[in-house]
PDB file of all heavy atoms in Angstrom:
ATOM      1  N   ASP A   1      -9.328 -18.610  43.609  1.00  0.00           N
ATOM      2  CA  ASP A   1      -9.053 -17.178  43.730  1.00  0.00           C
ATOM      3  C   ASP A   1     -10.291 -16.411  44.189  1.00  0.00           C
ATOM      4  O   ASP A   1     -10.211 -15.535  45.065  1.00  0.00           O
ATOM      5  CB  ASP A   1      -8.556 -16.624  42.391  1.00  0.00           C
ATOM      6  CG  ASP A   1      -7.258 -17.289  41.945  1.00  0.00           C
ATOM      7  OD1 ASP A   1      -6.517 -17.767  42.834  1.00  0.00           O
ATOM      8  OD2 ASP A   1      -7.009 -17.346  40.734  1.00  0.00           O
ATOM      9  N   GLU A   2     -11.442 -16.742  43.602  1.00  0.00           N
ATOM     10  CA  GLU A   2     -12.676 -16.071  43.997  1.00  0.00           C
ATOM     11  C   GLU A   2     -13.038 -16.399  45.448  1.00  0.00           C
ATOM     12  O   GLU A   2     -13.498 -15.527  46.199  1.00  0.00           O
ATOM     13  CB  GLU A   2     -13.810 -16.504  43.057  1.00  0.00           C
ATOM     14  CG  GLU A   2     -15.161 -15.922  43.374  1.00  0.00           C
ATOM     15  CD  GLU A   2     -15.241 -14.434  43.136  1.00  0.00           C
ATOM     16  OE1 GLU A   2     -14.379 -13.893  42.408  1.00  0.00           O
ATOM     17  OE2 GLU A   2     -16.168 -13.799  43.667  1.00  0.00           O
ATOM     18  N   MET A   3     -12.807 -17.632  45.856  1.00  0.00           N
ATOM     19  CA  MET A   3     -13.127 -18.030  47.221  1.00  0.00           C
ATOM     20  C   MET A   3     -12.223 -17.323  48.228  1.00  0.00           C
ATOM     21  O   MET A   3     -12.693 -16.866  49.289  1.00  0.00           O
ATOM     22  CB  MET A   3     -12.995 -19.542  47.355  1.00  0.00           C
ATOM     23  CG  MET A   3     -13.334 -20.076  48.730  1.00  0.00           C
ATOM     24  SD  MET A   3     -13.370 -21.885  48.797  1.00  0.00           S
ATOM     25  CE  MET A   3     -11.706 -22.274  48.251  1.00  0.00           C
ATOM     26  N   ARG A   4     -10.955 -17.182  47.923  1.00  0.00           N
ATOM     27  CA  ARG A   4     -10.040 -16.504  48.843  1.00  0.00           C
ATOM     28  C   ARG A   4     -10.373 -15.022  48.984  1.00  0.00           C
ATOM     29  O   ARG A   4     -10.263 -14.458  50.086  1.00  0.00           O
ATOM     30  CB  ARG A   4      -8.597 -16.686  48.373  1.00  0.00           C
ATOM     31  CG  ARG A   4      -8.040 -18.089  48.621  1.00  0.00           C
ATOM     32  CD  ARG A   4      -6.612 -18.210  48.140  1.00  0.00           C
ATOM     33  NE  ARG A   4      -6.050 -19.520  48.405  1.00  0.00           N
ATOM     34  CZ  ARG A   4      -5.334 -19.831  49.486  1.00  0.00           C
ATOM     35  NH1 ARG A   4      -5.112 -18.897  50.402  1.00  0.00           N
ATOM     36  NH2 ARG A   4      -4.843 -21.027  49.654  1.00  0.00           N
ATOM     37  N   SER A   5     -10.776 -14.389  47.893  1.00  0.00           N
ATOM     38  CA  SER A   5     -11.143 -12.965  47.979  1.00  0.00           C
ATOM     39  C   SER A   5     -12.399 -12.774  48.824  1.00  0.00           C
ATOM     40  O   SER A   5     -12.488 -11.842  49.631  1.00  0.00           O
ATOM     41  CB  SER A   5     -11.338 -12.387  46.581  1.00  0.00           C
ATOM     42  OG  SER A   5     -12.415 -13.035  45.917  1.00  0.00           O
ATOM     43  N   ARG A   6     -13.364 -13.679  48.692  1.00  0.00           N
ATOM     44  CA  ARG A   6     -14.573 -13.580  49.512  1.00  0.00           C
ATOM     45  C   ARG A   6     -14.276 -13.890  50.969  1.00  0.00           C
ATOM     46  O   ARG A   6     -14.893 -13.315  51.871  1.00  0.00           O
ATOM     47  CB  ARG A   6     -15.641 -14.528  48.970  1.00  0.00           C
ATOM     48  CG  ARG A   6     -16.131 -14.154  47.587  1.00  0.00           C
ATOM     49  CD  ARG A   6     -17.430 -14.855  47.249  1.00  0.00           C
ATOM     50  NE  ARG A   6     -17.879 -14.560  45.897  1.00  0.00           N
ATOM     51  CZ  ARG A   6     -19.071 -14.880  45.421  1.00  0.00           C
ATOM     52  NH1 ARG A   6     -19.939 -15.508  46.191  1.00  0.00           N
ATOM     53  NH2 ARG A   6     -19.404 -14.585  44.183  1.00  0.00           N
ATOM     54  N   LEU A   7     -13.355 -14.793  51.216  1.00  0.00           N
ATOM     55  CA  LEU A   7     -12.966 -15.087  52.590  1.00  0.00           C
ATOM     56  C   LEU A   7     -12.346 -13.855  53.252  1.00  0.00           C
ATOM     57  O   LEU A   7     -12.644 -13.547  54.422  1.00  0.00           O
ATOM     58  CB  LEU A   7     -11.982 -16.249  52.610  1.00  0.00           C
ATOM     59  CG  LEU A   7     -11.388 -16.620  53.973  1.00  0.00           C
ATOM     60  CD1 LEU A   7     -12.473 -17.121  54.912  1.00  0.00           C
ATOM     61  CD2 LEU A   7     -10.288 -17.667  53.817  1.00  0.00           C
ATOM     62  N   ALA A   8     -11.496 -13.125  52.517  1.00  0.00           N
ATOM     63  CA  ALA A   8     -10.885 -11.921  53.078  1.00  0.00           C
ATOM     64  C   ALA A   8     -11.939 -10.869  53.418  1.00  0.00           C
ATOM     65  O   ALA A   8     -11.854 -10.204  54.460  1.00  0.00           O
ATOM     66  CB  ALA A   8      -9.864 -11.358  52.098  1.00  0.00           C
ATOM     67  N   LEU A   9     -12.962 -10.717  52.587  1.00  0.00           N
ATOM     68  CA  LEU A   9     -14.025  -9.755  52.876  1.00  0.00           C
ATOM     69  C   LEU A   9     -14.826 -10.151  54.111  1.00  0.00           C
ATOM     70  O   LEU A   9     -15.226  -9.296  54.910  1.00  0.00           O
ATOM     71  CB  LEU A   9     -14.945  -9.619  51.658  1.00  0.00           C
ATOM     72  CG  LEU A   9     -14.334  -8.988  50.407  1.00  0.00           C
ATOM     73  CD1 LEU A   9     -15.323  -9.012  49.250  1.00  0.00           C
ATOM     74  CD2 LEU A   9     -13.884  -7.557  50.682  1.00  0.00           C
ATOM     75  N   LEU A  10     -15.085 -11.442  54.264  1.00  0.00           N
ATOM     76  CA  LEU A  10     -15.837 -11.896  55.430  1.00  0.00           C
ATOM     77  C   LEU A  10     -15.042 -11.724  56.716  1.00  0.00           C
ATOM     78  O   LEU A  10     -15.622 -11.449  57.779  1.00  0.00           O
ATOM     79  CB  LEU A  10     -16.221 -13.363  55.258  1.00  0.00           C
ATOM     80  CG  LEU A  10     -17.273 -13.670  54.185  1.00  0.00           C
ATOM     81  CD1 LEU A  10     -17.403 -15.173  53.989  1.00  0.00           C
ATOM     82  CD2 LEU A  10     -18.621 -13.074  54.574  1.00  0.00           C
ATOM     83  N   LEU A  11     -13.742 -11.864  56.655  1.00  0.00           N
ATOM     84  CA  LEU A  11     -12.922 -11.710  57.854  1.00  0.00           C
ATOM     85  C   LEU A  11     -12.730 -10.247  58.242  1.00  0.00           C
ATOM     86  O   LEU A  11     -12.516  -9.934  59.415  1.00  0.00           O
ATOM     87  CB  LEU A  11     -11.560 -12.377  57.653  1.00  0.00           C
ATOM     88  CG  LEU A  11     -11.581 -13.903  57.460  1.00  0.00           C
ATOM     89  CD1 LEU A  11     -10.174 -14.430  57.275  1.00  0.00           C
ATOM     90  CD2 LEU A  11     -12.255 -14.604  58.623  1.00  0.00           C
ATOM     91  N   LYS A  12     -12.821  -9.336  57.268  1.00  0.00           N
ATOM     92  CA  LYS A  12     -12.630  -7.914  57.573  1.00  0.00           C
ATOM     93  C   LYS A  12     -13.768  -7.326  58.394  1.00  0.00           C
ATOM     94  O   LYS A  12     -13.590  -6.326  59.079  1.00  0.00           O
ATOM     95  CB  LYS A  12     -12.475  -7.127  56.270  1.00  0.00           C
ATOM     96  CG  LYS A  12     -11.122  -7.292  55.609  1.00  0.00           C
ATOM     97  CD  LYS A  12     -11.030  -6.440  54.356  1.00  0.00           C
ATOM     98  CE  LYS A  12      -9.663  -6.598  53.708  1.00  0.00           C
ATOM     99  NZ  LYS A  12      -9.550  -5.804  52.457  1.00  0.00           N
ATOM    100  N   ARG A  13     -14.950  -7.913  58.343  1.00  0.00           N
ATOM    101  CA  ARG A  13     -16.085  -7.341  59.056  1.00  0.00           C
ATOM    102  C   ARG A  13     -16.103  -7.716  60.542  1.00  0.00           C
ATOM    103  O   ARG A  13     -16.962  -7.262  61.283  1.00  0.00           O
ATOM    104  CB  ARG A  13     -17.390  -7.807  58.423  1.00  0.00           C
ATOM    105  CG  ARG A  13     -17.699  -9.279  58.594  1.00  0.00           C
ATOM    106  CD  ARG A  13     -19.055  -9.594  58.047  1.00  0.00           C
ATOM    107  NE  ARG A  13     -19.468 -10.972  58.320  1.00  0.00           N
ATOM    108  CZ  ARG A  13     -20.721 -11.409  58.231  1.00  0.00           C
ATOM    109  NH1 ARG A  13     -21.673 -10.588  57.865  1.00  0.00           N
ATOM    110  NH2 ARG A  13     -21.012 -12.654  58.494  1.00  0.00           N
ATOM    111  N   LEU A  14     -15.178  -8.540  60.983  1.00  0.00           N
ATOM    112  CA  LEU A  14     -15.147  -8.972  62.378  1.00  0.00           C
ATOM    113  C   LEU A  14     -14.572  -7.879  63.260  1.00  0.00           C
ATOM    114  O   LEU A  14     -13.651  -7.159  62.871  1.00  0.00           O
ATOM    115  CB  LEU A  14     -14.314 -10.247  62.508  1.00  0.00           C
ATOM    116  CG  LEU A  14     -14.859 -11.472  61.762  1.00  0.00           C
ATOM    117  CD1 LEU A  14     -13.848 -12.609  61.806  1.00  0.00           C
ATOM    118  CD2 LEU A  14     -16.181 -11.919  62.360  1.00  0.00           C
ATOM    119  N   ARG A  15     -15.118  -7.750  64.484  1.00  0.00           N
ATOM    120  CA  ARG A  15     -14.679  -6.736  65.446  1.00  0.00           C
ATOM    121  C   ARG A  15     -14.187  -7.410  66.716  1.00  0.00           C
ATOM    122  O   ARG A  15     -14.242  -8.633  66.848  1.00  0.00           O
ATOM    123  CB  ARG A  15     -15.844  -5.794  65.789  1.00  0.00           C
ATOM    124  CG  ARG A  15     -16.541  -5.177  64.604  1.00  0.00           C
ATOM    125  CD  ARG A  15     -17.487  -4.091  65.065  1.00  0.00           C
ATOM    126  NE  ARG A  15     -18.472  -4.580  66.016  1.00  0.00           N
ATOM    127  CZ  ARG A  15     -19.703  -4.936  65.693  1.00  0.00           C
ATOM    128  NH1 ARG A  15     -20.076  -4.887  64.424  1.00  0.00           N
ATOM    129  NH2 ARG A  15     -20.557  -5.353  66.613  1.00  0.00           N
ATOM    130  N   HIS A  16     -13.737  -6.587  67.646  1.00  0.00           N
ATOM    131  CA  HIS A  16     -13.330  -7.105  68.952  1.00  0.00           C
ATOM    132  C   HIS A  16     -14.550  -7.696  69.653  1.00  0.00           C
ATOM    133  O   HIS A  16     -15.625  -7.096  69.673  1.00  0.00           O
ATOM    134  CB  HIS A  16     -12.728  -5.986  69.798  1.00  0.00           C
ATOM    135  CG  HIS A  16     -11.389  -5.522  69.304  1.00  0.00           C
ATOM    136  ND1 HIS A  16     -10.235  -6.242  69.498  1.00  0.00           N
ATOM    137  CD2 HIS A  16     -11.038  -4.404  68.611  1.00  0.00           C
ATOM    138  CE1 HIS A  16      -9.218  -5.598  68.956  1.00  0.00           C
ATOM    139  NE2 HIS A  16      -9.671  -4.480  68.410  1.00  0.00           N
ATOM    140  N   GLY A  17     -14.375  -8.878  70.249  1.00  0.00           N
ATOM    141  CA  GLY A  17     -15.476  -9.558  70.908  1.00  0.00           C
ATOM    142  C   GLY A  17     -16.182 -10.574  70.046  1.00  0.00           C
ATOM    143  O   GLY A  17     -16.969 -11.376  70.560  1.00  0.00           O
ATOM    144  N   ASP A  18     -15.944 -10.544  68.726  1.00  0.00           N
ATOM    145  CA  ASP A  18     -16.550 -11.527  67.828  1.00  0.00           C
ATOM    146  C   ASP A  18     -15.763 -12.839  67.870  1.00  0.00           C
ATOM    147  O   ASP A  18     -14.636 -12.903  68.376  1.00  0.00           O
ATOM    148  CB  ASP A  18     -16.590 -10.990  66.400  1.00  0.00           C
ATOM    149  CG  ASP A  18     -17.539  -9.814  66.248  1.00  0.00           C
ATOM    150  OD1 ASP A  18     -18.415  -9.660  67.121  1.00  0.00           O
ATOM    151  OD2 ASP A  18     -17.396  -9.048  65.280  1.00  0.00           O
ATOM    152  N   HIS A  19     -16.381 -13.870  67.315  1.00  0.00           N
ATOM    153  CA  HIS A  19     -15.738 -15.187  67.199  1.00  0.00           C
ATOM    154  C   HIS A  19     -15.827 -15.645  65.747  1.00  0.00           C
ATOM    155  O   HIS A  19     -16.821 -15.379  65.066  1.00  0.00           O
ATOM    156  CB  HIS A  19     -16.417 -16.218  68.106  1.00  0.00           C
ATOM    157  CG  HIS A  19     -16.369 -15.882  69.554  1.00  0.00           C
ATOM    158  ND1 HIS A  19     -15.327 -16.245  70.369  1.00  0.00           N
ATOM    159  CD2 HIS A  19     -17.237 -15.185  70.331  1.00  0.00           C
ATOM    160  CE1 HIS A  19     -15.554 -15.805  71.599  1.00  0.00           C
ATOM    161  NE2 HIS A  19     -16.715 -15.158  71.604  1.00  0.00           N
ATOM    162  N   CYS A  20     -14.786 -16.344  65.305  1.00  0.00           N
ATOM    163  CA  CYS A  20     -14.764 -16.838  63.926  1.00  0.00           C
ATOM    164  C   CYS A  20     -14.084 -18.200  63.892  1.00  0.00           C
ATOM    165  O   CYS A  20     -13.067 -18.419  64.567  1.00  0.00           O
ATOM    166  CB  CYS A  20     -14.026 -15.859  63.010  1.00  0.00           C
ATOM    167  SG  CYS A  20     -13.986 -16.390  61.276  1.00  0.00           S
ATOM    168  N   ASP A  21     -14.684 -19.115  63.147  1.00  0.00           N
ATOM    169  CA  ASP A  21     -14.106 -20.443  62.922  1.00  0.00           C
ATOM    170  C   ASP A  21     -14.159 -20.745  61.428  1.00  0.00           C
ATOM    171  O   ASP A  21     -15.191 -20.529  60.783  1.00  0.00           O
ATOM    172  CB  ASP A  21     -14.870 -21.528  63.686  1.00  0.00           C
ATOM    173  CG  ASP A  21     -14.815 -21.314  65.193  1.00  0.00           C
ATOM    174  OD1 ASP A  21     -13.696 -21.229  65.723  1.00  0.00           O
ATOM    175  OD2 ASP A  21     -15.891 -21.217  65.821  1.00  0.00           O
ATOM    176  N   ILE A  22     -13.055 -21.236  60.897  1.00  0.00           N
ATOM    177  CA  ILE A  22     -12.969 -21.652  59.496  1.00  0.00           C
ATOM    178  C   ILE A  22     -12.809 -23.167  59.477  1.00  0.00           C
ATOM    179  O   ILE A  22     -11.810 -23.701  59.972  1.00  0.00           O
ATOM    180  CB  ILE A  22     -11.791 -20.972  58.774  1.00  0.00           C
ATOM    181  CG1 ILE A  22     -11.905 -19.445  58.879  1.00  0.00           C
ATOM    182  CG2 ILE A  22     -11.740 -21.401  57.319  1.00  0.00           C
ATOM    183  CD1 ILE A  22     -10.707 -18.715  58.327  1.00  0.00           C
ATOM    184  N   ILE A  23     -13.806 -23.866  58.947  1.00  0.00           N
ATOM    185  CA  ILE A  23     -13.798 -25.329  58.900  1.00  0.00           C
ATOM    186  C   ILE A  23     -13.467 -25.755  57.471  1.00  0.00           C
ATOM    187  O   ILE A  23     -14.164 -25.377  56.523  1.00  0.00           O
ATOM    188  CB  ILE A  23     -15.150 -25.908  59.339  1.00  0.00           C
ATOM    189  CG1 ILE A  23     -15.442 -25.501  60.794  1.00  0.00           C
ATOM    190  CG2 ILE A  23     -15.150 -27.422  59.217  1.00  0.00           C
ATOM    191  CD1 ILE A  23     -16.751 -26.021  61.317  1.00  0.00           C
ATOM    192  N   LEU A  24     -12.414 -26.539  57.312  1.00  0.00           N
ATOM    193  CA  LEU A  24     -11.980 -27.017  55.997  1.00  0.00           C
ATOM    194  C   LEU A  24     -12.763 -28.274  55.644  1.00  0.00           C
ATOM    195  O   LEU A  24     -12.809 -29.226  56.428  1.00  0.00           O
ATOM    196  CB  LEU A  24     -10.482 -27.292  56.002  1.00  0.00           C
ATOM    197  CG  LEU A  24      -9.590 -26.136  56.487  1.00  0.00           C
ATOM    198  CD1 LEU A  24      -8.129 -26.528  56.414  1.00  0.00           C
ATOM    199  CD2 LEU A  24      -9.857 -24.870  55.690  1.00  0.00           C
ATOM    200  N   LEU A  25     -13.373 -28.283  54.466  1.00  0.00           N
ATOM    201  CA  LEU A  25     -14.247 -29.388  54.070  1.00  0.00           C
ATOM    202  C   LEU A  25     -13.485 -30.622  53.635  1.00  0.00           C
ATOM    203  O   LEU A  25     -13.960 -31.742  53.821  1.00  0.00           O
ATOM    204  CB  LEU A  25     -15.182 -28.931  52.943  1.00  0.00           C
ATOM    205  CG  LEU A  25     -16.199 -27.845  53.297  1.00  0.00           C
ATOM    206  CD1 LEU A  25     -17.098 -27.555  52.107  1.00  0.00           C
ATOM    207  CD2 LEU A  25     -17.041 -28.255  54.487  1.00  0.00           C
ATOM    208  N   ALA A  26     -12.321 -30.468  53.027  1.00  0.00           N
ATOM    209  CA  ALA A  26     -11.581 -31.625  52.513  1.00  0.00           C
ATOM    210  C   ALA A  26     -11.020 -32.439  53.670  1.00  0.00           C
ATOM    211  O   ALA A  26     -10.325 -31.907  54.538  1.00  0.00           O
ATOM    212  CB  ALA A  26     -10.454 -31.178  51.587  1.00  0.00           C
ATOM    213  N   GLY A  27     -11.342 -33.705  53.690  1.00  0.00           N
ATOM    214  CA  GLY A  27     -10.852 -34.582  54.745  1.00  0.00           C
ATOM    215  C   GLY A  27     -11.387 -35.978  54.545  1.00  0.00           C
ATOM    216  O   GLY A  27     -12.126 -36.270  53.602  1.00  0.00           O
ATOM    217  N   SER A  28     -11.016 -36.865  55.433  1.00  0.00           N
ATOM    218  CA  SER A  28     -11.480 -38.244  55.350  1.00  0.00           C
ATOM    219  C   SER A  28     -12.914 -38.347  55.843  1.00  0.00           C
ATOM    220  O   SER A  28     -13.282 -37.702  56.834  1.00  0.00           O
ATOM    221  CB  SER A  28     -10.582 -39.146  56.194  1.00  0.00           C
ATOM    222  OG  SER A  28     -10.567 -38.711  57.541  1.00  0.00           O
ATOM    223  N   PRO A  29     -13.758 -39.144  55.171  1.00  0.00           N
ATOM    224  CA  PRO A  29     -15.153 -39.267  55.610  1.00  0.00           C
ATOM    225  C   PRO A  29     -15.253 -39.837  57.014  1.00  0.00           C
ATOM    226  O   PRO A  29     -14.581 -40.790  57.369  1.00  0.00           O
ATOM    227  CB  PRO A  29     -15.762 -40.225  54.569  1.00  0.00           C
ATOM    228  CG  PRO A  29     -14.842 -40.162  53.393  1.00  0.00           C
ATOM    229  CD  PRO A  29     -13.478 -39.911  53.954  1.00  0.00           C
ATOM    230  N   GLY A  30     -16.122 -39.231  57.821  1.00  0.00           N
ATOM    231  CA  GLY A  30     -16.315 -39.675  59.189  1.00  0.00           C
ATOM    232  C   GLY A  30     -15.278 -39.164  60.167  1.00  0.00           C
ATOM    233  O   GLY A  30     -15.399 -39.417  61.370  1.00  0.00           O
ATOM    234  N   GLY A  31     -14.272 -38.443  59.692  1.00  0.00           N
ATOM    235  CA  GLY A  31     -13.239 -37.910  60.578  1.00  0.00           C
ATOM    236  C   GLY A  31     -13.583 -36.516  61.071  1.00  0.00           C
ATOM    237  O   GLY A  31     -14.555 -35.887  60.646  1.00  0.00           O
ATOM    238  N   ARG A  32     -12.763 -36.040  61.992  1.00  0.00           N
ATOM    239  CA  ARG A  32     -12.946 -34.709  62.542  1.00  0.00           C
ATOM    240  C   ARG A  32     -12.356 -33.684  61.588  1.00  0.00           C
ATOM    241  O   ARG A  32     -11.177 -33.744  61.252  1.00  0.00           O
ATOM    242  CB  ARG A  32     -12.257 -34.606  63.898  1.00  0.00           C
ATOM    243  CG  ARG A  32     -12.639 -33.377  64.699  1.00  0.00           C
ATOM    244  CD  ARG A  32     -14.042 -33.485  65.201  1.00  0.00           C
ATOM    245  NE  ARG A  32     -14.414 -32.316  65.997  1.00  0.00           N
ATOM    246  CZ  ARG A  32     -15.616 -32.081  66.454  1.00  0.00           C
ATOM    247  NH1 ARG A  32     -16.589 -32.961  66.194  1.00  0.00           N
ATOM    248  NH2 ARG A  32     -15.897 -31.025  67.175  1.00  0.00           N
ATOM    249  N   PRO A  33     -13.160 -32.715  61.102  1.00  0.00           N
ATOM    250  CA  PRO A  33     -12.615 -31.759  60.134  1.00  0.00           C
ATOM    251  C   PRO A  33     -11.628 -30.797  60.796  1.00  0.00           C
ATOM    252  O   PRO A  33     -11.694 -30.544  62.005  1.00  0.00           O
ATOM    253  CB  PRO A  33     -13.870 -31.019  59.641  1.00  0.00           C
ATOM    254  CG  PRO A  33     -14.858 -31.155  60.745  1.00  0.00           C
ATOM    255  CD  PRO A  33     -14.583 -32.488  61.381  1.00  0.00           C
ATOM    256  N   THR A  34     -10.731 -30.283  59.982  1.00  0.00           N
ATOM    257  CA  THR A  34      -9.754 -29.302  60.453  1.00  0.00           C
ATOM    258  C   THR A  34     -10.437 -27.961  60.661  1.00  0.00           C
ATOM    259  O   THR A  34     -11.185 -27.499  59.802  1.00  0.00           O
ATOM    260  CB  THR A  34      -8.609 -29.167  59.454  1.00  0.00           C
ATOM    261  OG1 THR A  34      -8.025 -30.458  59.237  1.00  0.00           O
ATOM    262  CG2 THR A  34      -7.555 -28.218  59.958  1.00  0.00           C
ATOM    263  N   MET A  35     -10.157 -27.315  61.810  1.00  0.00           N
ATOM    264  CA  MET A  35     -10.798 -26.043  62.141  1.00  0.00           C
ATOM    265  C   MET A  35      -9.737 -25.013  62.493  1.00  0.00           C
ATOM    266  O   MET A  35      -8.813 -25.294  63.267  1.00  0.00           O
ATOM    267  CB  MET A  35     -11.784 -26.219  63.305  1.00  0.00           C
ATOM    268  CG  MET A  35     -12.510 -24.942  63.713  1.00  0.00           C
ATOM    269  SD  MET A  35     -13.583 -25.198  65.153  1.00  0.00           S
ATOM    270  CE  MET A  35     -14.689 -26.470  64.563  1.00  0.00           C
ATOM    271  N   LEU A  36      -9.857 -23.824  61.909  1.00  0.00           N
ATOM    272  CA  LEU A  36      -8.987 -22.695  62.215  1.00  0.00           C
ATOM    273  C   LEU A  36      -9.803 -21.626  62.928  1.00  0.00           C
ATOM    274  O   LEU A  36     -10.900 -21.289  62.479  1.00  0.00           O
ATOM    275  CB  LEU A  36      -8.360 -22.120  60.941  1.00  0.00           C
ATOM    276  CG  LEU A  36      -7.599 -23.108  60.037  1.00  0.00           C
ATOM    277  CD1 LEU A  36      -7.132 -22.407  58.765  1.00  0.00           C
ATOM    278  CD2 LEU A  36      -6.425 -23.721  60.771  1.00  0.00           C
TER     279      LEU A  36
END
């Protein structure tokens, strides 16, 4: 819950022209992580 609230605050500061990537840490070792 605390992590999701902080994620929402970090996403609100983005403006037009900015770039954002969210990389999910949970995954198989040595594999390509999931990116949003």
